[in-house]
């Protein structure tokens, strides 16, 4: 190195600087004594060019939707963060409020160079059947970047593993309806081996005192696709609703124990139907006119009552015997149960002496008509005898009714 004379001038070249307070020159000559001051000025000038990274991170996609995911299962999606600034960016924090969502890498410091990218994996694991919504927050340089995330939990259906036994039932419950007390009703339950391996039914148990199942010899094995029909009976001993269960134990992978609900109702036995029977009752079985002068008329009557549980149809009224007659009725005459009507009777003797007669009331009946023969001594006397309930009213003196 050569020494520089104290009185010598030095020519120094400085690059252009945009800092204020200094003039812009291509070359400057200074005495050597000023070198220390110039070196300090150069140090100050070197600190003028400071660039700040003011462009935020960009996110692709701006939000995540996981759709419907079975409860307990996990789905994942990726997020890409890009640094569009001039300097590197440090991710100081990543978090999400809902624990159903998770971030990987979680809470780790990641530096993204200028113009570079980084990927984050977000997972969704629902724990209940509901809709989830939250935000992933990424912190960098004091700024937060928010990414919306959403998903729905769906009830998962047990699936039988490949090559395993499965049981399918024809109905989840059996309804027996109303069954008379002491009677019995039967329903059928069909069991199907719906898996890919043989199904072994180990036990069948009907619970509930009025229910029973006709179980085959157990255990029984069904090949894939094979079915078994099980008769189930309900025999109530008392009135009212009853419930029970049929429990089936097998080697089915997804449902080793299945319960079938049994429902029935014990109904009281209705009384036998009442047979409606017509009956006719007479107010008197003997009618006496006493002594009636020849050429005169004696009057009397008898009341007819429908005393059965069905209506009585009176088809005809016939009177036999000299001088006896009955009033006119509109025939056929129907008398409802409890209804009454008066039958007028008269006696007009044409000559002296005892007379006898008979009034025959005819109505449909299963038994043949019975006839009562009667007689009288007194002139002008009518003895109706016995007016039979089923067949007629008889005029004259009463005699014993022989069937």
Protein backbone atom coordinates (compact mmCIF):
# COMPACT_ATOMS: atom_id res chain seq x y z
CA UNK A 1 0.00 0.00 0.00
CA UNK A 2 1.28 3.48 -0.88
CA UNK A 3 1.15 6.38 1.55
CA UNK A 4 -0.96 9.35 0.63
CA UNK A 5 0.61 12.80 1.22
CA UNK A 6 -1.18 14.96 3.67
CA UNK A 7 -1.50 17.75 1.13
CA UNK A 8 -2.57 15.47 -1.64
CA UNK A 9 -6.11 15.40 -2.92
CA UNK A 10 -8.04 12.19 -3.24
CA UNK A 11 -10.72 11.60 -5.84
CA UNK A 12 -13.58 9.51 -4.54
CA UNK A 13 -16.54 8.20 -6.56
CA UNK A 14 -19.92 7.70 -4.85
CA UNK A 15 -22.89 5.98 -6.21
CA UNK A 16 -26.10 7.97 -6.63
CA UNK A 17 -28.13 8.23 -3.46
CA UNK A 18 -31.69 9.41 -3.05
CA UNK A 19 -31.22 10.56 0.54
CA UNK A 20 -32.02 14.22 1.17
CA UNK A 21 -29.34 16.62 2.47
CA UNK A 22 -26.59 15.50 0.07
CA UNK A 23 -25.82 16.90 -3.33
CA UNK A 24 -25.51 14.67 -6.34
CA UNK A 25 -21.99 14.69 -7.92
CA UNK A 26 -20.01 12.25 -10.01
CA UNK A 27 -16.68 12.93 -8.33
CA UNK A 28 -15.48 14.99 -5.32
CA UNK A 29 -11.93 15.96 -4.26
CA UNK A 30 -11.28 16.16 -0.50
CA UNK A 31 -8.20 16.64 1.62
CA UNK A 32 -7.17 13.57 3.59
CA UNK A 33 -8.21 15.17 6.87
CA UNK A 34 -11.79 14.90 5.82
CA UNK A 35 -11.71 11.15 5.24
CA UNK A 36 -13.08 10.22 8.65
CA UNK A 37 -16.09 12.45 8.23
CA UNK A 38 -16.79 11.05 4.79
CA UNK A 39 -16.66 7.49 6.04
CA UNK A 40 -19.32 8.33 8.62
CA UNK A 41 -21.48 9.88 5.90
CA UNK A 42 -21.11 6.74 3.75
CA UNK A 43 -22.35 4.60 6.65
CA UNK A 44 -25.43 6.86 6.97
CA UNK A 45 -26.10 6.74 3.23
CA UNK A 46 -25.98 2.92 3.19
CA UNK A 47 -29.06 2.84 5.48
CA UNK A 48 -31.31 4.81 3.14
CA UNK A 49 -32.67 1.98 0.91
CA UNK A 50 -35.19 0.16 3.28
CA UNK A 51 -38.07 -1.76 1.64
CA UNK A 52 -41.12 -2.98 3.62
CA UNK A 53 -43.34 -6.05 2.67
CA UNK A 54 -46.85 -4.56 2.71
CA UNK A 55 -48.65 -7.08 0.40
CA UNK A 56 -50.80 -9.57 2.43
CA UNK A 57 -50.98 -13.33 1.90
CA UNK A 58 -53.39 -14.68 -0.69
CA UNK A 59 -55.44 -17.85 -0.02
CA UNK A 60 -56.64 -20.42 -2.54
CA UNK A 61 -59.42 -21.47 -2.11
CA UNK A 62 -60.88 -18.67 -0.01
CA UNK A 63 -63.19 -21.09 1.87
CA UNK A 64 -63.60 -24.83 2.41
CA UNK A 65 -66.83 -26.84 2.37
CA UNK A 66 -66.59 -30.51 3.39
CA UNK A 67 -70.23 -31.32 2.60
CA UNK A 68 -71.78 -34.29 4.40
CA UNK A 69 -69.45 -36.59 6.35
CA UNK A 70 -70.54 -39.62 8.46
CA UNK A 71 -70.09 -39.13 12.20
CA UNK A 72 -66.69 -40.41 13.32
CA UNK A 73 -65.15 -40.35 9.84
CA UNK A 74 -62.53 -37.81 8.62
CA UNK A 75 -62.17 -35.87 5.39
CA UNK A 76 -59.34 -33.49 4.49
CA UNK A 77 -58.77 -30.60 2.06
CA UNK A 78 -55.72 -28.43 1.26
CA UNK A 79 -55.25 -24.66 1.37
CA UNK A 80 -52.48 -22.87 -0.55
CA UNK A 81 -50.95 -19.66 0.92
CA UNK A 82 -48.94 -17.44 -1.49
CA UNK A 83 -46.57 -14.59 -0.53
CA UNK A 84 -46.85 -11.81 -3.16
CA UNK A 85 -44.54 -9.44 -1.26
CA UNK A 86 -40.85 -8.59 -1.82
CA UNK A 87 -39.64 -10.09 1.46
CA UNK A 88 -40.20 -13.43 3.16
CA UNK A 89 -43.20 -13.87 5.46
CA UNK A 90 -43.23 -15.84 8.68
CA UNK A 91 -46.45 -17.54 9.76
CA UNK A 92 -46.55 -17.00 13.49
CA UNK A 93 -49.82 -18.77 14.27
CA UNK A 94 -52.58 -20.98 12.84
CA UNK A 95 -55.72 -21.89 14.75
CA UNK A 96 -59.40 -22.87 14.39
CA UNK A 97 -62.07 -22.50 17.10
CA UNK A 98 -64.18 -25.62 16.45
CA UNK A 99 -62.39 -28.85 17.44
CA UNK A 100 -64.18 -30.72 14.65
CA UNK A 101 -61.68 -29.00 12.31
CA UNK A 102 -57.90 -29.44 12.60
CA UNK A 103 -54.85 -27.92 10.83
CA UNK A 104 -51.64 -29.65 9.77
CA UNK A 105 -48.97 -28.53 10.48
CA UNK A 106 -50.63 -27.19 13.62
CA UNK A 107 -49.19 -24.18 15.45
CA UNK A 108 -45.79 -24.47 13.79
CA UNK A 109 -43.68 -21.58 12.48
CA UNK A 110 -43.44 -21.61 8.69
CA UNK A 111 -41.54 -19.09 6.58
CA UNK A 112 -42.73 -18.35 3.05
CA UNK A 113 -40.14 -16.66 0.82
CA UNK A 114 -41.07 -13.72 -1.43
CA UNK A 115 -43.20 -15.09 -4.26
CA UNK A 116 -43.33 -18.52 -2.63
CA UNK A 117 -46.24 -20.71 -1.44
CA UNK A 118 -47.08 -22.99 1.47
CA UNK A 119 -49.78 -25.68 1.82
CA UNK A 120 -51.93 -26.35 4.84
CA UNK A 121 -54.12 -29.44 5.30
CA UNK A 122 -57.46 -28.94 7.07
CA UNK A 123 -59.37 -32.00 8.33
CA UNK A 124 -63.05 -32.33 9.35
CA UNK A 125 -64.18 -35.05 11.82
CA UNK A 126 -67.82 -34.60 12.96
CA UNK A 127 -68.79 -36.02 16.34
CA UNK A 128 -72.57 -35.43 16.10
CA UNK A 129 -75.33 -35.14 13.54
CA UNK A 130 -75.38 -31.35 12.97
CA UNK A 131 -73.97 -28.54 10.80
CA UNK A 132 -70.51 -27.18 11.65
CA UNK A 133 -69.14 -23.73 10.73
CA UNK A 134 -65.90 -22.06 11.81
CA UNK A 135 -62.82 -20.12 10.56
CA UNK A 136 -59.15 -20.98 10.17
CA UNK A 137 -57.05 -17.96 11.29
CA UNK A 138 -53.46 -17.62 9.93
CA UNK A 139 -51.31 -14.92 11.62
CA UNK A 140 -48.29 -13.34 9.85
CA UNK A 141 -46.53 -10.04 10.51
CA UNK A 142 -49.24 -8.91 12.89
CA UNK A 143 -51.95 -9.53 10.31
CA UNK A 144 -54.68 -12.25 10.33
CA UNK A 145 -55.91 -14.13 7.28
CA UNK A 146 -59.32 -15.84 7.76
CA UNK A 147 -60.51 -18.91 5.83
CA UNK A 148 -64.14 -20.03 6.31
CA UNK A 149 -64.69 -23.79 6.84
CA UNK A 150 -67.99 -25.70 7.05
CA UNK A 151 -69.39 -29.25 7.02
CA UNK A 152 -72.31 -31.41 8.15
CA UNK A 153 -72.23 -34.54 10.33
CA UNK A 154 -74.42 -37.40 9.11
CA UNK A 155 -75.55 -40.51 11.01
CA UNK A 156 -73.35 -43.37 9.97
CA UNK A 157 -74.90 -46.73 9.01
CA UNK A 158 -73.11 -49.81 10.34
CA UNK A 159 -71.65 -51.72 7.47
CA UNK A 160 -70.85 -55.38 7.71
CA UNK A 161 -67.19 -56.04 6.92
CA UNK A 162 -66.42 -57.91 3.76
CA UNK A 163 -66.77 -61.64 4.20
CA UNK A 164 -68.92 -61.39 7.35
CA UNK A 165 -72.39 -62.53 8.44
CA UNK A 166 -75.39 -60.18 8.45
CA UNK A 167 -79.04 -60.51 9.54
CA UNK A 168 -82.01 -58.82 7.84
CA UNK A 169 -85.56 -58.93 9.29
CA UNK A 170 -88.85 -58.64 7.41
CA UNK A 171 -90.24 -56.19 10.01
CA UNK A 172 -88.93 -54.29 13.05
CA UNK A 173 -92.20 -54.94 14.96
CA UNK A 174 -95.20 -57.31 14.86
CA UNK A 175 -98.73 -55.96 15.39
CA UNK A 176 -101.40 -58.50 16.48
CA UNK A 177 -104.34 -56.08 16.86
CA UNK A 178 -107.38 -57.03 18.96
CA UNK A 179 -107.50 -60.70 20.00
CA UNK A 180 -110.34 -62.14 22.14
CA UNK A 181 -109.36 -63.24 25.64
CA UNK A 182 -108.55 -66.94 25.51
CA UNK A 183 -108.04 -66.77 21.74
CA UNK A 184 -104.80 -66.74 19.77
CA UNK A 185 -103.37 -64.81 16.82
CA UNK A 186 -100.24 -65.59 14.80
CA UNK A 187 -97.77 -63.44 12.84
CA UNK A 188 -94.67 -64.51 10.90
CA UNK A 189 -91.17 -63.01 11.02
CA UNK A 190 -88.76 -63.77 8.17
CA UNK A 191 -85.02 -63.74 8.88
CA UNK A 192 -82.60 -63.47 5.93
CA UNK A 193 -78.86 -64.13 5.86
CA UNK A 194 -77.86 -60.96 3.97
CA UNK A 195 -74.09 -61.09 4.49
CA UNK A 196 -71.30 -62.81 2.61
CA UNK A 197 -70.64 -65.44 5.27
CA UNK A 198 -72.94 -68.03 6.93
CA UNK A 199 -75.25 -66.64 9.60
CA UNK A 200 -75.66 -68.61 12.82
CA UNK A 201 -78.70 -67.88 14.98
CA UNK A 202 -77.79 -68.87 18.51
CA UNK A 203 -80.95 -68.01 20.50
CA UNK A 204 -84.53 -66.76 20.14
CA UNK A 205 -86.35 -65.44 23.18
CA UNK A 206 -89.94 -64.11 23.32
CA UNK A 207 -90.43 -61.84 26.32
CA UNK A 208 -93.93 -60.96 27.54
CA UNK A 209 -96.31 -63.48 29.12
CA UNK A 210 -98.85 -63.51 26.29
CA UNK A 211 -96.29 -63.87 23.47
CA UNK A 212 -94.49 -67.00 22.28
CA UNK A 213 -92.28 -68.05 19.37
CA UNK A 214 -92.08 -71.48 17.73
CA UNK A 215 -88.33 -71.70 17.63
CA UNK A 216 -86.50 -74.38 15.62
CA UNK A 217 -83.70 -76.42 17.11
CA UNK A 218 -80.87 -73.99 17.88
CA UNK A 219 -78.28 -73.05 16.87
CA UNK A 220 -79.32 -72.94 13.21
CA UNK A 221 -77.07 -71.79 10.35
CA UNK A 222 -78.27 -69.93 7.25
CA UNK A 223 -76.11 -69.67 4.16
CA UNK A 224 -75.88 -66.26 2.40
CA UNK A 225 -79.27 -65.54 0.84
CA UNK A 226 -81.10 -68.26 2.79
CA UNK A 227 -84.22 -67.37 4.84
CA UNK A 228 -85.99 -68.72 7.91
CA UNK A 229 -89.65 -67.99 8.83
CA UNK A 230 -90.44 -67.84 12.54
CA UNK A 231 -94.10 -68.09 13.74
CA UNK A 232 -94.87 -65.76 16.66
CA UNK A 233 -98.15 -66.06 18.63
CA UNK A 234 -100.17 -63.81 20.91
CA UNK A 235 -102.69 -65.37 23.33
CA UNK A 236 -104.09 -62.80 25.80
CA UNK A 237 -105.41 -63.97 29.17
CA UNK A 238 -106.81 -60.56 30.19
CA UNK A 239 -108.23 -57.50 28.50
CA UNK A 240 -106.05 -54.50 27.65
CA UNK A 241 -102.95 -53.69 25.65
CA UNK A 242 -99.84 -55.86 25.98
CA UNK A 243 -96.28 -55.43 24.70
CA UNK A 244 -93.36 -57.81 24.46
CA UNK A 245 -90.05 -58.36 22.70
CA UNK A 246 -88.46 -61.01 20.55
CA UNK A 247 -84.69 -61.01 21.07
CA UNK A 248 -82.53 -62.68 18.40
CA UNK A 249 -78.84 -63.41 19.08
CA UNK A 250 -76.57 -64.35 16.18
CA UNK A 251 -73.05 -63.98 14.80
CA UNK A 252 -74.04 -60.99 12.61
CA UNK A 253 -71.07 -58.63 12.60
CA UNK A 254 -72.99 -55.34 12.71
CA UNK A 255 -76.02 -56.48 14.79
CA UNK A 256 -75.22 -59.47 17.00
CA UNK A 257 -78.39 -58.84 19.05
CA UNK A 258 -81.65 -57.66 17.46
CA UNK A 259 -84.93 -56.83 19.22
CA UNK A 260 -88.35 -57.05 17.53
CA UNK A 261 -91.22 -55.26 19.33
CA UNK A 262 -94.44 -57.27 19.87
CA UNK A 263 -97.74 -55.41 20.30
CA UNK A 264 -101.24 -56.79 20.91
CA UNK A 265 -104.51 -56.07 22.69
CA UNK A 266 -106.68 -58.47 24.67
CA UNK A 267 -110.36 -57.90 23.89
CA UNK A 268 -113.24 -59.07 26.08
CA UNK A 269 -115.40 -61.73 24.42
CA UNK A 270 -118.64 -60.11 23.23
CA UNK A 271 -121.90 -61.65 24.55
CA UNK A 272 -123.78 -63.92 22.14
CA UNK A 273 -126.29 -62.09 19.97
CA UNK A 274 -129.80 -61.89 21.36
CA UNK A 275 -132.36 -63.86 19.35
CA UNK A 276 -135.42 -61.73 18.72
CA UNK A 277 -138.62 -63.68 19.38
CA UNK A 278 -142.17 -62.47 18.73
CA UNK A 279 -144.85 -63.20 21.38
CA UNK A 280 -148.53 -62.31 21.80
CA UNK A 281 -150.22 -61.94 25.22
CA UNK A 282 -154.03 -61.72 25.79
CA UNK A 283 -155.58 -59.71 28.61
CA UNK A 284 -158.00 -62.58 29.27
CA UNK A 285 -158.24 -66.16 28.08
CA UNK A 286 -162.02 -66.37 28.66
CA UNK A 287 -164.70 -63.85 27.77
CA UNK A 288 -168.24 -64.19 29.20
CA UNK A 289 -171.22 -62.26 27.83
CA UNK A 290 -173.60 -63.54 30.53
CA UNK A 291 -177.33 -63.79 29.62
CA UNK A 292 -178.28 -61.88 26.53
CA UNK A 293 -181.94 -61.62 25.37
CA UNK A 294 -182.74 -63.12 22.03
CA UNK A 295 -182.48 -60.45 19.32
CA UNK A 296 -180.28 -58.21 21.53
CA UNK A 297 -176.48 -57.75 21.37
CA UNK A 298 -173.89 -58.16 24.09
CA UNK A 299 -170.44 -56.50 23.77
CA UNK A 300 -166.99 -57.18 25.29
CA UNK A 301 -163.33 -56.98 24.25
CA UNK A 302 -159.90 -58.53 24.75
CA UNK A 303 -156.55 -56.65 24.67
CA UNK A 304 -153.75 -58.03 22.50
CA UNK A 305 -150.14 -57.16 23.58
CA UNK A 306 -146.88 -57.75 21.67
CA UNK A 307 -144.82 -59.07 24.61
CA UNK A 308 -141.79 -60.52 22.77
CA UNK A 309 -138.52 -59.01 21.55
CA UNK A 310 -139.65 -58.86 17.93
CA UNK A 311 -142.76 -57.51 16.23
CA UNK A 312 -145.90 -59.70 16.02
CA UNK A 313 -147.69 -59.92 12.67
CA UNK A 314 -151.39 -60.79 12.99
CA UNK A 315 -152.46 -62.35 9.70
CA UNK A 316 -156.17 -63.09 10.31
CA UNK A 317 -158.96 -63.18 12.93
CA UNK A 318 -161.56 -65.95 12.53
CA UNK A 319 -164.64 -66.38 14.76
CA UNK A 320 -166.69 -69.59 14.93
CA UNK A 321 -169.92 -70.20 16.85
CA UNK A 322 -173.51 -69.05 16.27
CA UNK A 323 -174.13 -65.41 17.16
CA UNK A 324 -170.47 -64.51 17.91
CA UNK A 325 -168.45 -61.92 15.94
CA UNK A 326 -165.29 -59.78 16.18
CA UNK A 327 -164.69 -56.15 15.24
CA UNK A 328 -162.88 -55.28 12.04
CA UNK A 329 -159.07 -54.87 12.13
CA UNK A 330 -156.80 -53.72 9.29
CA UNK A 331 -155.00 -56.93 8.49
CA UNK A 332 -152.26 -57.92 8.32
CA UNK A 333 -151.58 -56.03 11.54
CA UNK A 334 -148.06 -55.53 12.93
CA UNK A 335 -147.57 -54.89 16.63
CA UNK A 336 -144.12 -53.67 17.69
CA UNK A 337 -142.69 -54.98 20.99
CA UNK A 338 -144.80 -53.47 23.79
CA UNK A 339 -147.59 -52.26 21.50
CA UNK A 340 -151.27 -53.08 22.38
CA UNK A 341 -154.61 -53.16 20.56
CA UNK A 342 -158.20 -53.95 21.73
CA UNK A 343 -160.17 -56.60 19.82
CA UNK A 344 -163.95 -55.90 20.07
CA UNK A 345 -166.21 -58.99 20.48
CA UNK A 346 -170.03 -59.25 20.31
CA UNK A 347 -172.76 -61.86 20.91
CA UNK A 348 -176.19 -61.61 19.21
CA UNK A 349 -178.29 -64.74 19.98
CA UNK A 350 -180.98 -65.67 17.49
CA UNK A 351 -182.57 -68.29 19.79
CA UNK A 352 -182.41 -69.41 23.35
CA UNK A 353 -180.06 -71.96 24.71
CA UNK A 354 -176.39 -72.38 25.48
CA UNK A 355 -173.90 -71.31 22.83
CA UNK A 356 -170.19 -71.79 22.38
CA UNK A 357 -167.65 -70.27 20.06
CA UNK A 358 -163.96 -69.82 19.20
CA UNK A 359 -161.80 -66.90 18.15
CA UNK A 360 -158.76 -67.93 16.14
CA UNK A 361 -155.88 -65.39 15.93
CA UNK A 362 -153.54 -66.54 13.22
CA UNK A 363 -149.90 -65.46 12.92
CA UNK A 364 -146.79 -67.15 11.41
CA UNK A 365 -145.24 -69.71 13.74
CA UNK A 366 -143.02 -72.73 13.66
CA UNK A 367 -145.31 -74.93 15.80
CA UNK A 368 -148.68 -76.14 14.42
CA UNK A 369 -151.74 -74.25 15.69
CA UNK A 370 -153.43 -75.59 18.81
CA UNK A 371 -157.26 -75.60 19.00
CA UNK A 372 -159.19 -75.46 22.27
CA UNK A 373 -162.76 -76.83 22.17
CA UNK A 374 -165.21 -75.27 24.66
CA UNK A 375 -168.96 -75.41 25.53
CA UNK A 376 -171.59 -73.38 27.44
CA UNK A 377 -174.96 -74.01 29.15
CA UNK A 378 -176.36 -70.57 29.73
CA UNK A 379 -178.26 -68.92 26.96
CA UNK A 380 -176.37 -66.01 25.50
CA UNK A 381 -173.09 -66.88 27.30
CA UNK A 382 -169.74 -66.61 25.51
CA UNK A 383 -166.87 -68.51 27.08
CA UNK A 384 -163.67 -67.68 25.18
CA UNK A 385 -161.93 -70.53 26.96
CA UNK A 386 -158.22 -70.16 26.52
CA UNK A 387 -156.94 -67.54 24.08
CA UNK A 388 -153.64 -69.13 23.31
CA UNK A 389 -150.57 -66.86 23.30
CA UNK A 390 -149.16 -68.46 20.22
CA UNK A 391 -152.32 -69.25 18.23
CA UNK A 392 -155.67 -67.68 19.16
CA UNK A 393 -158.47 -66.61 21.44
CA UNK A 394 -161.29 -69.16 22.04
CA UNK A 395 -164.91 -68.39 22.86
CA UNK A 396 -166.98 -70.58 25.25
CA UNK A 397 -166.22 -72.44 28.43
CA UNK A 398 -162.56 -73.18 29.07
CA UNK A 399 -161.33 -76.70 28.77
CA UNK A 400 -157.91 -78.24 29.36
CA UNK A 401 -155.47 -77.53 26.52
CA UNK A 402 -154.10 -80.81 25.24
CA UNK A 403 -150.83 -80.46 23.19
